């Protein structure tokens, strides 16, 4: 089931990426930022559901490891950051890398915290 979750996550990432790119010309890695932050939020919610509401641990595996693992992408952040650095776009590189890290961790904490408060 984890593999199916991963495939669905990768498909969802492709859909989100395509939709954002179709709407605007990107000079900043917005699609990767949106995907990683939203995936981290979902992962925080899933972990909270398992810990505070007794949700089946397999939910965490299938959706957390599978779907969120296929949906989010650290490697793309790395490649986009290097590409921006090579182009001399240092500000965009730093903002993209640090922004993704800070916002993704914050989103996971928010998802986790919301579930905890509601329990």
N, C-alpha and C. Protein backbone atom coordinates (compact mmCIF):
# COMPACT_ATOMS: atom_id res chain seq x y z
N UNK A 1 0.81 -1.20 0.00
CA UNK A 1 0.00 0.00 0.00
C UNK A 1 0.86 1.27 0.00
N UNK A 2 2.04 1.19 0.64
CA UNK A 2 2.93 2.35 0.66
C UNK A 2 3.37 2.77 -0.73
N UNK A 3 3.58 1.76 -1.59
CA UNK A 3 4.00 2.08 -2.97
C UNK A 3 2.88 2.79 -3.72
N UNK A 4 1.64 2.34 -3.50
CA UNK A 4 0.50 2.99 -4.14
C UNK A 4 0.40 4.43 -3.64
N UNK A 5 0.58 4.62 -2.33
CA UNK A 5 0.57 5.97 -1.78
C UNK A 5 1.64 6.84 -2.41
N UNK A 6 2.83 6.28 -2.60
CA UNK A 6 3.92 7.02 -3.22
C UNK A 6 3.61 7.41 -4.66
N UNK A 7 3.00 6.49 -5.38
CA UNK A 7 2.63 6.78 -6.77
C UNK A 7 1.57 7.88 -6.83
N UNK A 8 0.59 7.79 -5.94
CA UNK A 8 -0.46 8.82 -5.91
C UNK A 8 0.12 10.17 -5.48
N UNK A 9 1.07 10.15 -4.55
CA UNK A 9 1.72 11.38 -4.13
C UNK A 9 2.50 12.04 -5.27
N UNK A 10 3.23 11.23 -6.01
CA UNK A 10 3.99 11.76 -7.15
C UNK A 10 3.05 12.32 -8.21
N UNK A 11 1.94 11.64 -8.44
CA UNK A 11 0.95 12.13 -9.39
C UNK A 11 0.36 13.46 -8.91
N UNK A 12 0.04 13.54 -7.62
CA UNK A 12 -0.50 14.78 -7.06
C UNK A 12 0.51 15.92 -7.20
N UNK A 13 1.78 15.63 -6.97
CA UNK A 13 2.83 16.65 -7.12
C UNK A 13 2.88 17.15 -8.57
N UNK A 14 2.78 16.22 -9.51
CA UNK A 14 2.80 16.60 -10.92
C UNK A 14 1.61 17.50 -11.25
N UNK A 15 0.43 17.17 -10.73
CA UNK A 15 -0.77 17.96 -11.00
C UNK A 15 -0.62 19.36 -10.40
N UNK A 16 -0.19 19.45 -9.16
CA UNK A 16 -0.02 20.76 -8.51
C UNK A 16 1.04 21.57 -9.24
N UNK A 17 2.16 20.95 -9.56
CA UNK A 17 3.24 21.63 -10.28
C UNK A 17 2.74 22.16 -11.62
N UNK A 18 2.05 21.32 -12.37
CA UNK A 18 1.54 21.71 -13.69
C UNK A 18 0.55 22.86 -13.58
N UNK A 19 -0.32 22.79 -12.59
CA UNK A 19 -1.34 23.83 -12.42
C UNK A 19 -0.70 25.18 -12.09
N UNK A 20 0.26 25.19 -11.18
CA UNK A 20 0.91 26.45 -10.82
C UNK A 20 1.70 27.00 -12.00
N UNK A 21 2.45 26.14 -12.68
CA UNK A 21 3.26 26.59 -13.81
C UNK A 21 2.40 27.10 -14.97
N UNK A 22 1.20 26.56 -15.12
CA UNK A 22 0.34 27.00 -16.22
C UNK A 22 -0.22 28.40 -15.98
N UNK A 23 -0.20 28.84 -14.75
CA UNK A 23 -0.79 30.12 -14.39
C UNK A 23 0.21 31.27 -14.36
N UNK A 24 1.50 30.96 -14.27
CA UNK A 24 2.46 32.04 -14.18
C UNK A 24 3.86 31.60 -14.61
N UNK A 25 4.62 32.57 -15.06
CA UNK A 25 6.02 32.33 -15.37
C UNK A 25 6.78 32.39 -14.05
N UNK A 26 7.56 31.37 -13.80
CA UNK A 26 8.21 31.28 -12.49
C UNK A 26 9.67 31.68 -12.54
N UNK A 27 10.00 32.65 -11.73
CA UNK A 27 11.39 33.05 -11.53
C UNK A 27 11.89 32.58 -10.18
N UNK A 28 11.00 31.94 -9.42
CA UNK A 28 11.28 31.45 -8.09
C UNK A 28 10.62 30.07 -7.99
N UNK A 29 11.20 29.14 -7.25
CA UNK A 29 10.64 27.77 -7.19
C UNK A 29 9.36 27.66 -6.34
N UNK A 30 8.32 28.40 -6.75
CA UNK A 30 7.07 28.41 -5.98
C UNK A 30 6.41 27.04 -5.91
N UNK A 31 6.44 26.30 -6.99
CA UNK A 31 5.74 25.01 -6.98
C UNK A 31 6.34 24.06 -5.95
N UNK A 32 7.64 24.02 -5.87
CA UNK A 32 8.30 23.14 -4.90
C UNK A 32 8.00 23.60 -3.48
N UNK A 33 7.98 24.89 -3.27
CA UNK A 33 7.66 25.43 -1.95
C UNK A 33 6.23 25.05 -1.55
N UNK A 34 5.28 25.24 -2.45
CA UNK A 34 3.87 24.91 -2.16
C UNK A 34 3.72 23.41 -1.87
N UNK A 35 4.34 22.59 -2.68
CA UNK A 35 4.23 21.14 -2.50
C UNK A 35 4.84 20.71 -1.16
N UNK A 36 6.03 21.18 -0.85
CA UNK A 36 6.69 20.76 0.39
C UNK A 36 5.98 21.27 1.64
N UNK A 37 5.47 22.48 1.59
CA UNK A 37 4.77 23.03 2.75
C UNK A 37 3.43 22.32 2.94
N UNK A 38 2.67 22.13 1.88
CA UNK A 38 1.38 21.45 2.02
C UNK A 38 1.56 19.98 2.41
N UNK A 39 2.58 19.33 1.90
CA UNK A 39 2.86 17.95 2.29
C UNK A 39 3.27 17.84 3.74
N UNK A 40 4.03 18.81 4.22
CA UNK A 40 4.44 18.82 5.62
C UNK A 40 3.25 19.07 6.55
N UNK A 41 2.36 19.93 6.12
CA UNK A 41 1.13 20.16 6.89
C UNK A 41 0.32 18.87 7.00
N UNK A 42 0.15 18.18 5.89
CA UNK A 42 -0.58 16.91 5.90
C UNK A 42 0.11 15.88 6.80
N UNK A 43 1.42 15.81 6.73
CA UNK A 43 2.16 14.87 7.56
C UNK A 43 1.99 15.19 9.04
N UNK A 44 2.01 16.46 9.40
CA UNK A 44 1.77 16.85 10.78
C UNK A 44 0.39 16.43 11.26
N UNK A 45 -0.61 16.60 10.40
CA UNK A 45 -1.98 16.17 10.74
C UNK A 45 -2.02 14.66 10.92
N UNK A 46 -1.41 13.92 10.01
CA UNK A 46 -1.43 12.45 10.11
C UNK A 46 -0.77 11.95 11.39
N UNK A 47 0.37 12.51 11.73
CA UNK A 47 1.06 12.10 12.96
C UNK A 47 0.19 12.44 14.17
N UNK A 48 -0.43 13.60 14.16
CA UNK A 48 -1.33 13.98 15.24
C UNK A 48 -2.51 13.03 15.37
N UNK A 49 -3.08 12.62 14.24
CA UNK A 49 -4.21 11.69 14.28
C UNK A 49 -3.81 10.36 14.89
N UNK A 50 -2.63 9.89 14.54
CA UNK A 50 -2.15 8.61 15.09
C UNK A 50 -1.87 8.75 16.58
N UNK A 51 -1.19 9.82 16.98
CA UNK A 51 -0.80 9.97 18.38
C UNK A 51 -1.96 10.35 19.31
N UNK A 52 -2.81 11.25 18.86
CA UNK A 52 -3.83 11.79 19.76
C UNK A 52 -5.22 11.20 19.58
N UNK A 53 -5.46 10.60 18.44
CA UNK A 53 -6.81 10.07 18.19
C UNK A 53 -6.80 8.57 17.96
N UNK A 54 -5.67 7.95 18.11
CA UNK A 54 -5.59 6.50 17.97
C UNK A 54 -5.87 5.99 16.56
N UNK A 55 -5.63 6.84 15.56
CA UNK A 55 -5.81 6.39 14.18
C UNK A 55 -4.85 5.23 13.90
N UNK A 56 -5.24 4.37 13.00
CA UNK A 56 -4.45 3.20 12.64
C UNK A 56 -3.05 3.64 12.19
N UNK A 57 -2.03 3.02 12.75
CA UNK A 57 -0.63 3.34 12.43
C UNK A 57 -0.35 3.15 10.94
N UNK A 58 -1.09 2.24 10.30
CA UNK A 58 -0.88 2.03 8.86
C UNK A 58 -1.23 3.27 8.06
N UNK A 59 -2.12 4.11 8.58
CA UNK A 59 -2.45 5.38 7.93
C UNK A 59 -1.20 6.23 7.81
N UNK A 60 -0.40 6.23 8.86
CA UNK A 60 0.84 6.99 8.87
C UNK A 60 1.83 6.44 7.83
N UNK A 61 1.82 5.13 7.66
CA UNK A 61 2.73 4.50 6.69
C UNK A 61 2.26 4.79 5.26
N UNK A 62 1.00 4.49 4.98
CA UNK A 62 0.49 4.62 3.62
C UNK A 62 0.44 6.08 3.18
N UNK A 63 -0.14 6.93 4.01
CA UNK A 63 -0.27 8.34 3.62
C UNK A 63 0.96 9.16 3.99
N UNK A 64 1.54 8.89 5.16
CA UNK A 64 2.69 9.67 5.59
C UNK A 64 3.94 9.35 4.80
N UNK A 65 4.36 8.10 4.88
CA UNK A 65 5.57 7.70 4.17
C UNK A 65 5.30 7.60 2.67
N UNK A 66 4.19 6.94 2.32
CA UNK A 66 3.89 6.73 0.90
C UNK A 66 3.50 8.00 0.17
N UNK A 67 2.30 8.52 0.47
CA UNK A 67 1.79 9.68 -0.26
C UNK A 67 2.68 10.90 -0.06
N UNK A 68 2.92 11.28 1.21
CA UNK A 68 3.71 12.49 1.47
C UNK A 68 5.15 12.33 0.97
N UNK A 69 5.70 11.11 1.06
CA UNK A 69 7.03 10.87 0.53
C UNK A 69 7.10 11.03 -0.98
N UNK A 70 6.05 10.59 -1.66
CA UNK A 70 6.00 10.75 -3.12
C UNK A 70 5.64 12.17 -3.54
N UNK A 71 4.91 12.86 -2.69
CA UNK A 71 4.42 14.21 -3.00
C UNK A 71 5.49 15.26 -2.76
N UNK A 72 6.13 15.21 -1.60
CA UNK A 72 7.14 16.22 -1.28
C UNK A 72 8.48 15.83 -1.92
N UNK A 73 9.40 16.78 -1.98
CA UNK A 73 10.63 16.48 -2.69
C UNK A 73 11.79 17.35 -2.23
N UNK A 74 12.63 16.77 -1.41
CA UNK A 74 13.83 17.46 -0.95
C UNK A 74 14.84 17.60 -2.09
N UNK A 75 14.92 16.58 -2.92
CA UNK A 75 15.92 16.61 -4.00
C UNK A 75 15.65 17.75 -4.97
N UNK A 76 14.39 18.05 -5.21
CA UNK A 76 14.08 19.16 -6.12
C UNK A 76 14.50 20.48 -5.51
N UNK A 77 14.31 20.64 -4.21
CA UNK A 77 14.77 21.86 -3.54
C UNK A 77 16.28 22.00 -3.72
N UNK A 78 16.99 20.92 -3.56
CA UNK A 78 18.45 20.95 -3.70
C UNK A 78 18.87 21.34 -5.11
N UNK A 79 18.28 20.71 -6.10
CA UNK A 79 18.62 21.00 -7.50
C UNK A 79 18.25 22.43 -7.86
N UNK A 80 17.07 22.87 -7.45
CA UNK A 80 16.66 24.25 -7.77
C UNK A 80 17.57 25.27 -7.09
N UNK A 81 18.00 24.98 -5.89
CA UNK A 81 18.90 25.89 -5.17
C UNK A 81 20.24 25.98 -5.89
N UNK A 82 20.79 24.85 -6.30
CA UNK A 82 22.06 24.85 -7.04
C UNK A 82 21.91 25.58 -8.37
N UNK A 83 20.80 25.34 -9.05
CA UNK A 83 20.56 26.02 -10.33
C UNK A 83 20.52 27.54 -10.15
N UNK A 84 19.81 27.99 -9.12
CA UNK A 84 19.74 29.43 -8.85
C UNK A 84 21.12 29.99 -8.50
N UNK A 85 21.90 29.26 -7.73
CA UNK A 85 23.26 29.71 -7.39
C UNK A 85 24.12 29.81 -8.64
N UNK A 86 24.01 28.83 -9.52
CA UNK A 86 24.79 28.85 -10.77
C UNK A 86 24.40 30.03 -11.65
N UNK A 87 23.16 30.44 -11.57
CA UNK A 87 22.68 31.59 -12.35
C UNK A 87 23.01 32.92 -11.67
N UNK A 88 23.64 32.85 -10.50
CA UNK A 88 23.98 34.06 -9.77
C UNK A 88 22.81 34.68 -9.04
N UNK A 89 21.75 33.94 -8.87
CA UNK A 89 20.54 34.44 -8.20
C UNK A 89 20.58 33.99 -6.73
N UNK A 90 21.51 34.58 -6.01
CA UNK A 90 21.81 34.16 -4.65
C UNK A 90 20.64 34.41 -3.69
N UNK A 91 20.01 35.54 -3.84
CA UNK A 91 18.88 35.85 -2.94
C UNK A 91 17.76 34.83 -3.12
N UNK A 92 17.40 34.53 -4.36
CA UNK A 92 16.34 33.55 -4.62
C UNK A 92 16.74 32.17 -4.11
N UNK A 93 18.02 31.82 -4.25
CA UNK A 93 18.50 30.52 -3.78
C UNK A 93 18.36 30.40 -2.27
N UNK A 94 18.81 31.43 -1.56
CA UNK A 94 18.73 31.40 -0.09
C UNK A 94 17.29 31.44 0.37
N UNK A 95 16.49 32.31 -0.23
CA UNK A 95 15.07 32.38 0.15
C UNK A 95 14.35 31.07 -0.14
N UNK A 96 14.65 30.46 -1.27
CA UNK A 96 14.00 29.19 -1.61
C UNK A 96 14.37 28.07 -0.66
N UNK A 97 15.65 27.93 -0.40
CA UNK A 97 16.11 26.84 0.47
C UNK A 97 15.67 27.05 1.92
N UNK A 98 15.96 28.23 2.46
CA UNK A 98 15.60 28.49 3.86
C UNK A 98 14.10 28.63 4.03
N UNK A 99 13.45 29.26 3.06
CA UNK A 99 12.00 29.40 3.13
C UNK A 99 11.30 28.05 3.14
N UNK A 100 11.76 27.14 2.30
CA UNK A 100 11.17 25.80 2.27
C UNK A 100 11.38 25.10 3.61
N UNK A 101 12.59 25.17 4.14
CA UNK A 101 12.88 24.51 5.41
C UNK A 101 12.02 25.07 6.54
N UNK A 102 12.04 26.39 6.70
CA UNK A 102 11.31 27.02 7.80
C UNK A 102 9.80 26.82 7.65
N UNK A 103 9.27 27.07 6.47
CA UNK A 103 7.83 26.96 6.27
C UNK A 103 7.34 25.51 6.35
N UNK A 104 8.13 24.57 5.86
CA UNK A 104 7.73 23.16 5.92
C UNK A 104 7.69 22.67 7.37
N UNK A 105 8.70 23.02 8.15
CA UNK A 105 8.71 22.62 9.56
C UNK A 105 7.56 23.31 10.30
N UNK A 106 7.33 24.58 10.02
CA UNK A 106 6.22 25.30 10.66
C UNK A 106 4.88 24.68 10.28
N UNK A 107 4.72 24.31 9.02
CA UNK A 107 3.46 23.70 8.57
C UNK A 107 3.23 22.36 9.27
N UNK A 108 4.27 21.56 9.41
CA UNK A 108 4.13 20.28 10.12
C UNK A 108 3.73 20.54 11.57
N UNK A 109 4.33 21.53 12.20
CA UNK A 109 3.99 21.86 13.59
C UNK A 109 2.55 22.35 13.70
N UNK A 110 2.11 23.14 12.74
CA UNK A 110 0.72 23.64 12.74
C UNK A 110 -0.25 22.47 12.60
N UNK A 111 0.00 21.58 11.64
CA UNK A 111 -0.88 20.43 11.45
C UNK A 111 -0.95 19.57 12.69
N UNK A 112 0.20 19.29 13.28
CA UNK A 112 0.29 18.51 14.51
C UNK A 112 -0.44 19.22 15.64
N UNK A 113 -0.18 20.51 15.77
CA UNK A 113 -0.78 21.30 16.86
C UNK A 113 -2.28 21.41 16.75
N UNK A 114 -2.79 21.59 15.55
CA UNK A 114 -4.25 21.68 15.36
C UNK A 114 -4.92 20.39 15.80
N UNK A 115 -4.37 19.26 15.40
CA UNK A 115 -4.95 17.98 15.79
C UNK A 115 -4.85 17.80 17.31
N UNK A 116 -3.76 18.22 17.88
CA UNK A 116 -3.58 18.08 19.33
C UNK A 116 -4.60 18.93 20.07
N UNK A 117 -4.81 20.17 19.64
CA UNK A 117 -5.77 21.06 20.28
C UNK A 117 -7.18 20.50 20.16
N UNK A 118 -7.49 19.91 19.04
CA UNK A 118 -8.83 19.36 18.82
C UNK A 118 -9.07 18.03 19.52
N UNK A 119 -8.03 17.47 20.12
CA UNK A 119 -8.22 16.17 20.79
C UNK A 119 -8.64 16.32 22.23
